N, C-alpha and C. Protein backbone atom coordinates (compact mmCIF):
# COMPACT_ATOMS: atom_id res chain seq x y z
N MET A 1 60.48 -53.78 37.73
CA MET A 1 61.68 -53.06 37.37
C MET A 1 61.41 -51.56 37.55
N GLN A 2 62.28 -50.91 38.26
CA GLN A 2 62.11 -49.50 38.56
C GLN A 2 62.86 -48.66 37.51
N PRO A 3 62.17 -47.62 36.97
CA PRO A 3 62.83 -46.82 35.93
C PRO A 3 64.01 -46.03 36.50
N SER A 4 65.03 -45.91 35.69
CA SER A 4 66.20 -45.15 36.14
C SER A 4 65.88 -43.66 36.12
N GLY A 5 66.73 -42.88 36.70
CA GLY A 5 66.54 -41.44 36.75
C GLY A 5 66.56 -40.83 35.36
N VAL A 6 67.37 -41.42 34.47
CA VAL A 6 67.46 -40.90 33.11
C VAL A 6 66.14 -41.13 32.38
N GLU A 7 65.57 -42.30 32.51
CA GLU A 7 64.31 -42.61 31.85
C GLU A 7 63.19 -41.72 32.38
N ALA A 8 63.17 -41.47 33.68
CA ALA A 8 62.16 -40.60 34.26
C ALA A 8 62.32 -39.17 33.74
N ALA A 9 63.55 -38.73 33.61
CA ALA A 9 63.81 -37.38 33.09
C ALA A 9 63.36 -37.27 31.64
N ILE A 10 63.61 -38.33 30.86
CA ILE A 10 63.18 -38.33 29.47
C ILE A 10 61.66 -38.25 29.39
N ARG A 11 60.96 -39.05 30.18
CA ARG A 11 59.51 -39.02 30.18
C ARG A 11 58.98 -37.64 30.56
N GLU A 12 59.57 -37.06 31.58
CA GLU A 12 59.15 -35.72 32.02
C GLU A 12 59.36 -34.68 30.93
N LEU A 13 60.51 -34.75 30.27
CA LEU A 13 60.79 -33.80 29.19
C LEU A 13 59.84 -34.01 28.02
N GLU A 14 59.51 -35.25 27.71
CA GLU A 14 58.56 -35.51 26.63
C GLU A 14 57.19 -34.93 26.95
N GLN A 15 56.79 -35.00 28.22
CA GLN A 15 55.51 -34.40 28.63
C GLN A 15 55.57 -32.88 28.48
N ASP A 16 56.72 -32.31 28.85
CA ASP A 16 56.89 -30.86 28.71
C ASP A 16 56.82 -30.45 27.23
N VAL A 17 57.43 -31.27 26.36
CA VAL A 17 57.41 -30.98 24.94
C VAL A 17 55.97 -31.00 24.43
N LYS A 18 55.18 -31.96 24.88
CA LYS A 18 53.77 -32.03 24.47
C LYS A 18 53.02 -30.77 24.90
N LYS A 19 53.27 -30.33 26.13
CA LYS A 19 52.59 -29.14 26.63
C LYS A 19 52.98 -27.91 25.80
N VAL A 20 54.25 -27.79 25.47
CA VAL A 20 54.71 -26.64 24.68
C VAL A 20 54.10 -26.69 23.28
N GLN A 21 54.06 -27.88 22.68
CA GLN A 21 53.47 -28.00 21.35
C GLN A 21 51.98 -27.65 21.37
N GLU A 22 51.27 -28.04 22.41
CA GLU A 22 49.85 -27.69 22.54
C GLU A 22 49.68 -26.18 22.68
N ALA A 23 50.56 -25.56 23.48
CA ALA A 23 50.49 -24.11 23.67
C ALA A 23 50.76 -23.39 22.35
N ILE A 24 51.73 -23.87 21.59
CA ILE A 24 52.05 -23.25 20.31
C ILE A 24 50.86 -23.37 19.35
N SER A 25 50.26 -24.54 19.29
CA SER A 25 49.13 -24.70 18.37
C SER A 25 47.95 -23.83 18.79
N MET A 26 47.72 -23.68 20.09
CA MET A 26 46.65 -22.81 20.56
C MET A 26 46.92 -21.36 20.18
N LEU A 27 48.16 -20.90 20.35
CA LEU A 27 48.51 -19.54 19.98
C LEU A 27 48.38 -19.31 18.48
N LYS A 28 48.72 -20.32 17.69
CA LYS A 28 48.56 -20.20 16.24
C LYS A 28 47.09 -20.08 15.87
N ARG A 29 46.22 -20.82 16.56
CA ARG A 29 44.78 -20.70 16.30
C ARG A 29 44.28 -19.31 16.64
N ILE A 30 44.75 -18.78 17.77
CA ILE A 30 44.34 -17.43 18.19
C ILE A 30 44.80 -16.41 17.15
N ARG A 31 46.03 -16.56 16.68
CA ARG A 31 46.56 -15.63 15.67
C ARG A 31 45.73 -15.72 14.39
N ALA A 32 45.37 -16.92 13.98
CA ALA A 32 44.57 -17.09 12.77
C ALA A 32 43.20 -16.43 12.93
N GLN A 33 42.59 -16.57 14.10
CA GLN A 33 41.29 -15.96 14.34
C GLN A 33 41.40 -14.45 14.32
N ARG A 34 42.45 -13.91 14.88
CA ARG A 34 42.61 -12.46 14.92
C ARG A 34 42.79 -11.90 13.52
N THR A 35 43.54 -12.59 12.67
CA THR A 35 43.74 -12.06 11.32
C THR A 35 42.48 -12.22 10.49
N GLU A 36 41.67 -13.26 10.77
CA GLU A 36 40.41 -13.41 10.06
C GLU A 36 39.45 -12.29 10.42
N ASN A 37 39.45 -11.89 11.68
CA ASN A 37 38.53 -10.86 12.15
C ASN A 37 39.04 -9.46 11.86
N GLY A 38 40.24 -9.35 11.36
CA GLY A 38 40.79 -8.04 11.06
C GLY A 38 41.58 -7.45 12.21
N ALA A 39 41.54 -8.07 13.37
CA ALA A 39 42.32 -7.58 14.50
C ALA A 39 43.78 -7.94 14.27
N GLY A 40 44.65 -7.13 14.76
CA GLY A 40 46.06 -7.41 14.64
C GLY A 40 46.66 -6.89 13.34
N ARG A 41 45.83 -6.39 12.45
CA ARG A 41 46.36 -5.81 11.23
C ARG A 41 46.89 -4.42 11.53
N SER A 42 48.01 -4.12 10.95
CA SER A 42 48.55 -2.78 11.18
C SER A 42 47.94 -1.82 10.16
N ARG A 43 47.72 -0.64 10.60
CA ARG A 43 47.18 0.38 9.71
C ARG A 43 48.32 0.94 8.88
N GLY A 44 47.96 1.44 7.74
CA GLY A 44 48.93 2.14 6.93
C GLY A 44 49.12 3.55 7.47
N HIS A 45 50.05 4.26 6.92
CA HIS A 45 50.25 5.64 7.35
C HIS A 45 49.11 6.49 6.81
N ARG A 46 48.62 7.37 7.65
CA ARG A 46 47.57 8.28 7.19
C ARG A 46 48.23 9.36 6.36
N ARG A 47 47.60 9.69 5.30
CA ARG A 47 48.13 10.71 4.42
C ARG A 47 47.23 11.94 4.51
N LEU A 48 47.86 13.06 4.72
CA LEU A 48 47.11 14.31 4.77
C LEU A 48 47.14 14.97 3.40
N SER A 49 46.07 15.60 3.10
CA SER A 49 46.04 16.35 1.84
C SER A 49 46.89 17.62 2.02
N ALA A 50 47.24 18.22 0.92
CA ALA A 50 48.02 19.45 0.97
C ALA A 50 47.24 20.54 1.70
N GLN A 51 45.94 20.57 1.48
CA GLN A 51 45.10 21.57 2.14
C GLN A 51 45.10 21.36 3.66
N ALA A 52 45.01 20.12 4.09
CA ALA A 52 45.01 19.84 5.53
C ALA A 52 46.35 20.21 6.16
N ARG A 53 47.45 19.89 5.46
CA ARG A 53 48.78 20.26 5.98
C ARG A 53 48.90 21.77 6.09
N ARG A 54 48.38 22.48 5.10
CA ARG A 54 48.44 23.94 5.11
C ARG A 54 47.65 24.49 6.30
N ARG A 55 46.43 23.97 6.54
CA ARG A 55 45.62 24.44 7.68
C ARG A 55 46.34 24.19 8.99
N ILE A 56 46.92 23.01 9.15
CA ILE A 56 47.63 22.69 10.38
C ILE A 56 48.82 23.61 10.55
N SER A 57 49.55 23.86 9.47
CA SER A 57 50.71 24.74 9.53
C SER A 57 50.31 26.15 9.93
N GLU A 58 49.25 26.66 9.32
CA GLU A 58 48.80 28.02 9.65
C GLU A 58 48.33 28.12 11.10
N ALA A 59 47.64 27.10 11.58
CA ALA A 59 47.18 27.11 12.97
C ALA A 59 48.36 27.09 13.93
N ALA A 60 49.38 26.28 13.61
CA ALA A 60 50.56 26.22 14.47
C ALA A 60 51.29 27.56 14.47
N LYS A 61 51.40 28.19 13.31
CA LYS A 61 52.06 29.49 13.23
C LYS A 61 51.32 30.53 14.06
N LYS A 62 49.98 30.48 14.02
CA LYS A 62 49.19 31.42 14.82
C LYS A 62 49.42 31.18 16.31
N ARG A 63 49.46 29.92 16.71
CA ARG A 63 49.70 29.63 18.14
C ARG A 63 51.06 30.14 18.59
N TRP A 64 52.09 29.88 17.77
CA TRP A 64 53.42 30.34 18.15
C TRP A 64 53.50 31.87 18.15
N ALA A 65 52.86 32.50 17.22
CA ALA A 65 52.86 33.97 17.18
C ALA A 65 52.17 34.52 18.42
N ALA A 66 51.06 33.93 18.82
CA ALA A 66 50.36 34.37 20.03
C ALA A 66 51.23 34.16 21.26
N LEU A 67 51.95 33.06 21.30
CA LEU A 67 52.82 32.79 22.44
C LEU A 67 53.97 33.81 22.50
N ARG A 68 54.52 34.15 21.34
CA ARG A 68 55.61 35.13 21.32
C ARG A 68 55.12 36.52 21.77
N THR A 69 53.91 36.90 21.38
CA THR A 69 53.40 38.22 21.78
C THR A 69 53.12 38.24 23.28
N VAL A 70 52.71 37.14 23.85
CA VAL A 70 52.45 37.09 25.29
C VAL A 70 53.74 37.21 26.06
N LYS A 71 54.81 36.63 25.56
CA LYS A 71 56.11 36.68 26.26
C LYS A 71 56.70 38.09 26.23
N LYS A 72 56.40 38.88 25.19
CA LYS A 72 56.96 40.23 25.08
C LYS A 72 56.27 41.13 26.02
């Protein structure tokens, strides 16, 4: 007895589903390994101290002041 086209299509789709499920499980394993190793974790925002912000601000003001004097 020869399988009909519908049965062959069903078998093919079931094979595709198996492949997709295997790929998903592999990706989940990779994700689990990355989180165990610390990779893939997002960093928090870096916080600058008030003193560091002040130093950066003063340096930027000096640069802009120097640029303005050069243009004049």
